Amino acid sequence: MPNVKLYLDEGVLHDRQGDVDALLPRMRDLICAGLGVTAEACHIVVLGVRSPSGQTPVNIEICLLKKPGRTRAAVELFCSDLRDLAARAVGVPAAIRCTLAEPEDYIVIRAG
């Protein structure tokens, strides 16, 4: 699982497209290393958004399955690292929101 949505202000996405493209594999590497998952388990998407002036131009939403060892402190540290990576790569402030899902409540039906 981790399911990651990277919301970027349209202006940032347009101006920093190369940086965004370079960020994606680095995000996946950090997610795999930090959470002990395979690249195949990661789902990362980039969405250009319009938002009011004054909002954080990069917002990350991540959904993780609860697992032993994924304590609040461990997840907060991981999320801080992911946020910092994105902010440095794109050159603007970033925020992150994380949801932990119960494995028995999470359903995936893959293509084909």
N, C-alpha and C. Protein backbone atom coordinates (compact mmCIF):
# COMPACT_ATOMS: atom_id res chain seq x y z
N MET A 1 0.85 -1.16 0.00
CA MET A 1 0.00 0.00 0.00
C MET A 1 0.87 1.20 0.00
N PRO A 2 1.58 1.93 0.39
CA PRO A 2 1.18 3.33 0.61
C PRO A 2 0.58 3.99 -0.63
N ASN A 3 -0.42 4.74 -0.36
CA ASN A 3 -1.13 5.50 -1.40
C ASN A 3 -0.79 6.97 -1.17
N VAL A 4 -0.14 7.60 -2.15
CA VAL A 4 0.35 8.97 -1.97
C VAL A 4 -0.21 9.87 -3.06
N LYS A 5 -0.79 10.97 -2.63
CA LYS A 5 -1.24 12.01 -3.56
C LYS A 5 -0.45 13.27 -3.27
N LEU A 6 0.20 13.77 -4.30
CA LEU A 6 1.01 14.97 -4.20
C LEU A 6 0.26 16.09 -4.91
N TYR A 7 -0.34 16.98 -4.13
CA TYR A 7 -1.10 18.10 -4.68
C TYR A 7 -0.17 19.30 -4.82
N LEU A 8 -0.04 19.80 -6.04
CA LEU A 8 0.84 20.94 -6.31
C LEU A 8 0.04 22.08 -6.90
N ASP A 9 0.27 23.27 -6.38
CA ASP A 9 -0.31 24.45 -7.00
C ASP A 9 0.07 24.44 -8.48
N GLU A 10 -0.89 24.75 -9.35
CA GLU A 10 -0.65 24.68 -10.80
C GLU A 10 0.58 25.48 -11.23
N GLY A 11 0.78 26.64 -10.63
CA GLY A 11 1.95 27.45 -10.97
C GLY A 11 3.25 26.76 -10.62
N VAL A 12 3.29 26.12 -9.46
CA VAL A 12 4.48 25.38 -9.04
C VAL A 12 4.70 24.20 -9.98
N LEU A 13 3.63 23.49 -10.29
CA LEU A 13 3.74 22.34 -11.19
C LEU A 13 4.28 22.77 -12.55
N HIS A 14 3.78 23.86 -13.07
CA HIS A 14 4.23 24.36 -14.37
C HIS A 14 5.68 24.81 -14.33
N ASP A 15 6.03 25.58 -13.30
CA ASP A 15 7.37 26.17 -13.21
C ASP A 15 8.45 25.17 -12.82
N ARG A 16 8.08 24.12 -12.10
CA ARG A 16 9.08 23.20 -11.54
C ARG A 16 8.88 21.76 -12.02
N GLN A 17 8.35 21.59 -13.24
CA GLN A 17 8.02 20.25 -13.75
C GLN A 17 9.22 19.30 -13.68
N GLY A 18 10.39 19.76 -14.09
CA GLY A 18 11.57 18.90 -14.04
C GLY A 18 11.91 18.47 -12.62
N ASP A 19 11.79 19.40 -11.68
CA ASP A 19 12.05 19.07 -10.28
C ASP A 19 11.03 18.07 -9.74
N VAL A 20 9.78 18.24 -10.15
CA VAL A 20 8.73 17.31 -9.73
C VAL A 20 9.00 15.92 -10.28
N ASP A 21 9.35 15.85 -11.56
CA ASP A 21 9.66 14.55 -12.16
C ASP A 21 10.82 13.87 -11.46
N ALA A 22 11.85 14.64 -11.09
CA ALA A 22 13.00 14.09 -10.39
C ALA A 22 12.66 13.68 -8.96
N LEU A 23 11.68 14.34 -8.37
CA LEU A 23 11.27 14.05 -6.99
C LEU A 23 10.58 12.69 -6.87
N LEU A 24 9.80 12.30 -7.85
CA LEU A 24 8.96 11.11 -7.71
C LEU A 24 9.74 9.84 -7.39
N PRO A 25 10.82 9.50 -8.12
CA PRO A 25 11.55 8.29 -7.73
C PRO A 25 12.22 8.42 -6.37
N ARG A 26 12.63 9.62 -6.01
CA ARG A 26 13.22 9.84 -4.68
C ARG A 26 12.18 9.64 -3.58
N MET A 27 10.95 10.09 -3.83
CA MET A 27 9.87 9.86 -2.88
C MET A 27 9.62 8.36 -2.72
N ARG A 28 9.57 7.66 -3.84
CA ARG A 28 9.32 6.21 -3.77
C ARG A 28 10.43 5.52 -3.00
N ASP A 29 11.69 5.91 -3.24
CA ASP A 29 12.81 5.30 -2.51
C ASP A 29 12.68 5.55 -1.01
N LEU A 30 12.33 6.77 -0.63
CA LEU A 30 12.17 7.09 0.79
C LEU A 30 11.02 6.30 1.40
N ILE A 31 9.92 6.19 0.67
CA ILE A 31 8.77 5.43 1.16
C ILE A 31 9.14 3.96 1.35
N CYS A 32 9.80 3.38 0.37
CA CYS A 32 10.19 1.97 0.46
C CYS A 32 11.13 1.74 1.64
N ALA A 33 12.14 2.58 1.76
CA ALA A 33 13.11 2.43 2.85
C ALA A 33 12.49 2.71 4.21
N GLY A 34 11.70 3.76 4.27
CA GLY A 34 11.13 4.18 5.55
C GLY A 34 10.02 3.30 6.06
N LEU A 35 9.32 2.64 5.15
CA LEU A 35 8.17 1.83 5.56
C LEU A 35 8.37 0.34 5.33
N GLY A 36 9.49 -0.03 4.71
CA GLY A 36 9.74 -1.45 4.47
C GLY A 36 8.78 -2.06 3.48
N VAL A 37 8.47 -1.32 2.40
CA VAL A 37 7.58 -1.83 1.37
C VAL A 37 8.33 -1.89 0.03
N THR A 38 7.76 -2.60 -0.92
CA THR A 38 8.36 -2.69 -2.25
C THR A 38 7.86 -1.55 -3.12
N ALA A 39 8.60 -1.26 -4.17
CA ALA A 39 8.19 -0.21 -5.12
C ALA A 39 6.84 -0.56 -5.74
N GLU A 40 6.58 -1.83 -5.96
CA GLU A 40 5.30 -2.24 -6.55
C GLU A 40 4.12 -1.93 -5.64
N ALA A 41 4.37 -1.83 -4.34
CA ALA A 41 3.30 -1.54 -3.39
C ALA A 41 2.94 -0.06 -3.35
N CYS A 42 3.85 0.78 -3.84
CA CYS A 42 3.63 2.23 -3.78
C CYS A 42 2.75 2.70 -4.93
N HIS A 43 1.88 3.61 -4.61
CA HIS A 43 1.07 4.28 -5.63
C HIS A 43 1.21 5.77 -5.36
N ILE A 44 1.88 6.47 -6.29
CA ILE A 44 2.15 7.90 -6.13
C ILE A 44 1.58 8.63 -7.34
N VAL A 45 0.79 9.67 -7.09
CA VAL A 45 0.26 10.48 -8.18
C VAL A 45 0.50 11.95 -7.88
N VAL A 46 0.58 12.73 -8.95
CA VAL A 46 0.74 14.18 -8.85
C VAL A 46 -0.52 14.81 -9.42
N LEU A 47 -1.08 15.74 -8.68
CA LEU A 47 -2.28 16.44 -9.11
C LEU A 47 -2.04 17.94 -9.05
N GLY A 48 -2.26 18.62 -10.17
CA GLY A 48 -2.21 20.08 -10.19
C GLY A 48 -3.51 20.64 -9.67
N VAL A 49 -3.43 21.61 -8.77
CA VAL A 49 -4.63 22.17 -8.15
C VAL A 49 -4.57 23.69 -8.16
N ARG A 50 -5.72 24.29 -8.08
CA ARG A 50 -5.84 25.73 -7.87
C ARG A 50 -6.30 25.94 -6.44
N SER A 51 -5.61 26.83 -5.76
CA SER A 51 -5.98 27.07 -4.37
C SER A 51 -5.84 28.56 -4.08
N PRO A 52 -6.52 29.00 -3.04
CA PRO A 52 -6.44 30.41 -2.69
C PRO A 52 -5.03 30.81 -2.28
N SER A 53 -4.71 32.04 -2.50
CA SER A 53 -3.44 32.60 -2.08
C SER A 53 -3.26 32.37 -0.58
N GLY A 54 -2.04 32.07 -0.20
CA GLY A 54 -1.75 31.89 1.22
C GLY A 54 -1.75 30.45 1.68
N GLN A 55 -2.25 29.53 0.88
CA GLN A 55 -2.23 28.12 1.26
C GLN A 55 -0.87 27.52 0.90
N THR A 56 -0.52 26.46 1.58
CA THR A 56 0.74 25.77 1.30
C THR A 56 0.70 25.25 -0.14
N PRO A 57 1.71 25.58 -0.96
CA PRO A 57 1.66 25.24 -2.38
C PRO A 57 1.88 23.76 -2.69
N VAL A 58 2.41 23.00 -1.74
CA VAL A 58 2.58 21.56 -1.93
C VAL A 58 1.94 20.86 -0.74
N ASN A 59 1.02 19.96 -1.02
CA ASN A 59 0.36 19.18 0.02
C ASN A 59 0.45 17.71 -0.35
N ILE A 60 0.86 16.92 0.62
CA ILE A 60 0.99 15.48 0.42
C ILE A 60 -0.05 14.81 1.30
N GLU A 61 -0.78 13.88 0.71
CA GLU A 61 -1.68 13.02 1.47
C GLU A 61 -1.19 11.60 1.31
N ILE A 62 -1.04 10.91 2.41
CA ILE A 62 -0.58 9.53 2.36
C ILE A 62 -1.47 8.67 3.25
N CYS A 63 -1.82 7.52 2.73
CA CYS A 63 -2.61 6.54 3.48
C CYS A 63 -1.75 5.29 3.65
N LEU A 64 -1.60 4.87 4.89
CA LEU A 64 -0.79 3.70 5.22
C LEU A 64 -1.63 2.69 5.97
N LEU A 65 -1.25 1.43 5.84
CA LEU A 65 -1.87 0.40 6.66
C LEU A 65 -1.21 0.41 8.03
N LYS A 66 -2.02 0.23 9.06
CA LYS A 66 -1.47 0.10 10.41
C LYS A 66 -0.69 -1.22 10.47
N LYS A 67 0.47 -1.14 11.11
CA LYS A 67 1.31 -2.32 11.29
C LYS A 67 2.05 -2.17 12.61
N PRO A 68 2.45 -3.29 13.20
CA PRO A 68 3.29 -3.17 14.39
C PRO A 68 4.56 -2.39 14.04
N GLY A 69 4.96 -1.52 14.89
CA GLY A 69 6.14 -0.72 14.64
C GLY A 69 5.84 0.63 14.02
N ARG A 70 4.69 0.76 13.43
CA ARG A 70 4.29 2.06 12.88
C ARG A 70 3.59 2.86 13.98
N THR A 71 4.39 3.23 14.95
CA THR A 71 3.87 4.02 16.06
C THR A 71 3.63 5.45 15.58
N ARG A 72 2.93 6.20 16.37
CA ARG A 72 2.69 7.60 16.02
C ARG A 72 4.02 8.34 15.84
N ALA A 73 4.94 8.12 16.74
CA ALA A 73 6.23 8.80 16.66
C ALA A 73 6.99 8.40 15.39
N ALA A 74 6.98 7.12 15.06
CA ALA A 74 7.67 6.64 13.86
C ALA A 74 7.03 7.20 12.59
N VAL A 75 5.71 7.24 12.55
CA VAL A 75 5.00 7.77 11.38
C VAL A 75 5.22 9.27 11.27
N GLU A 76 5.20 9.99 12.39
CA GLU A 76 5.46 11.44 12.35
C GLU A 76 6.86 11.74 11.83
N LEU A 77 7.85 10.97 12.25
CA LEU A 77 9.22 11.17 11.77
C LEU A 77 9.30 10.89 10.27
N PHE A 78 8.70 9.79 9.84
CA PHE A 78 8.68 9.45 8.42
C PHE A 78 8.00 10.56 7.62
N CYS A 79 6.85 11.03 8.08
CA CYS A 79 6.11 12.08 7.37
C CYS A 79 6.92 13.38 7.31
N SER A 80 7.62 13.71 8.37
CA SER A 80 8.47 14.91 8.35
C SER A 80 9.56 14.78 7.30
N ASP A 81 10.16 13.60 7.21
CA ASP A 81 11.20 13.38 6.20
C ASP A 81 10.63 13.50 4.79
N LEU A 82 9.45 12.94 4.56
CA LEU A 82 8.83 13.00 3.24
C LEU A 82 8.46 14.44 2.88
N ARG A 83 7.89 15.16 3.84
CA ARG A 83 7.55 16.58 3.62
C ARG A 83 8.79 17.39 3.29
N ASP A 84 9.86 17.19 4.07
CA ASP A 84 11.09 17.94 3.85
C ASP A 84 11.71 17.64 2.49
N LEU A 85 11.68 16.38 2.08
CA LEU A 85 12.19 16.00 0.77
C LEU A 85 11.45 16.74 -0.33
N ALA A 86 10.13 16.76 -0.26
CA ALA A 86 9.32 17.43 -1.28
C ALA A 86 9.58 18.94 -1.29
N ALA A 87 9.63 19.54 -0.12
CA ALA A 87 9.84 20.99 -0.04
C ALA A 87 11.20 21.38 -0.62
N ARG A 88 12.23 20.62 -0.28
CA ARG A 88 13.57 20.91 -0.82
C ARG A 88 13.61 20.72 -2.34
N ALA A 89 13.00 19.66 -2.82
CA ALA A 89 13.05 19.34 -4.25
C ALA A 89 12.34 20.38 -5.09
N VAL A 90 11.22 20.88 -4.60
CA VAL A 90 10.39 21.79 -5.39
C VAL A 90 10.68 23.25 -5.03
N GLY A 91 11.27 23.49 -3.88
CA GLY A 91 11.67 24.83 -3.50
C GLY A 91 10.58 25.71 -2.93
N VAL A 92 9.52 25.08 -2.44
CA VAL A 92 8.42 25.82 -1.80
C VAL A 92 7.97 25.04 -0.56
N PRO A 93 7.25 25.70 0.36
CA PRO A 93 6.78 24.99 1.55
C PRO A 93 5.85 23.83 1.20
N ALA A 94 5.89 22.80 2.03
CA ALA A 94 5.04 21.62 1.85
C ALA A 94 4.42 21.24 3.18
N ALA A 95 3.27 20.59 3.09
CA ALA A 95 2.59 20.05 4.26
C ALA A 95 2.23 18.60 3.95
N ILE A 96 2.02 17.82 4.99
CA ILE A 96 1.65 16.41 4.79
C ILE A 96 0.54 16.03 5.76
N ARG A 97 -0.35 15.18 5.27
CA ARG A 97 -1.42 14.61 6.09
C ARG A 97 -1.38 13.11 5.90
N CYS A 98 -1.46 12.38 7.00
CA CYS A 98 -1.34 10.93 6.95
C CYS A 98 -2.55 10.29 7.61
N THR A 99 -3.08 9.27 6.96
CA THR A 99 -4.16 8.47 7.50
C THR A 99 -3.67 7.04 7.65
N LEU A 100 -3.95 6.43 8.79
CA LEU A 100 -3.62 5.03 9.00
C LEU A 100 -4.90 4.21 8.91
N ALA A 101 -4.87 3.20 8.04
CA ALA A 101 -6.05 2.37 7.81
C ALA A 101 -5.85 0.99 8.46
N GLU A 102 -6.93 0.44 8.95
CA GLU A 102 -6.91 -0.92 9.48
C GLU A 102 -6.84 -1.89 8.30
N PRO A 103 -5.93 -2.85 8.33
CA PRO A 103 -5.80 -3.78 7.20
C PRO A 103 -7.11 -4.49 6.84
N GLU A 104 -7.91 -4.84 7.84
CA GLU A 104 -9.15 -5.56 7.54
C GLU A 104 -10.22 -4.65 6.90
N ASP A 105 -10.01 -3.36 6.94
CA ASP A 105 -10.97 -2.42 6.36
C ASP A 105 -10.51 -1.88 5.00
N TYR A 106 -9.33 -2.28 4.55
CA TYR A 106 -8.77 -1.75 3.31
C TYR A 106 -8.90 -2.79 2.21
N ILE A 107 -9.51 -2.38 1.11
CA ILE A 107 -9.76 -3.28 -0.02
C ILE A 107 -9.05 -2.72 -1.25
N VAL A 108 -8.36 -3.59 -1.97
CA VAL A 108 -7.72 -3.22 -3.24
C VAL A 108 -8.14 -4.24 -4.28
N ILE A 109 -8.58 -3.74 -5.42
CA ILE A 109 -8.88 -4.61 -6.56
C ILE A 109 -8.06 -4.05 -7.72
N ARG A 110 -7.02 -4.76 -8.08
CA ARG A 110 -6.10 -4.27 -9.12
C ARG A 110 -6.60 -4.61 -10.51
N ALA A 111 -6.03 -3.89 -11.47
CA ALA A 111 -6.37 -4.11 -12.88
C ALA A 111 -6.00 -5.52 -13.29
N GLY A 112 -6.79 -6.06 -14.18
CA GLY A 112 -6.59 -7.23 -14.89
C GLY A 112 -6.17 -8.50 -14.49
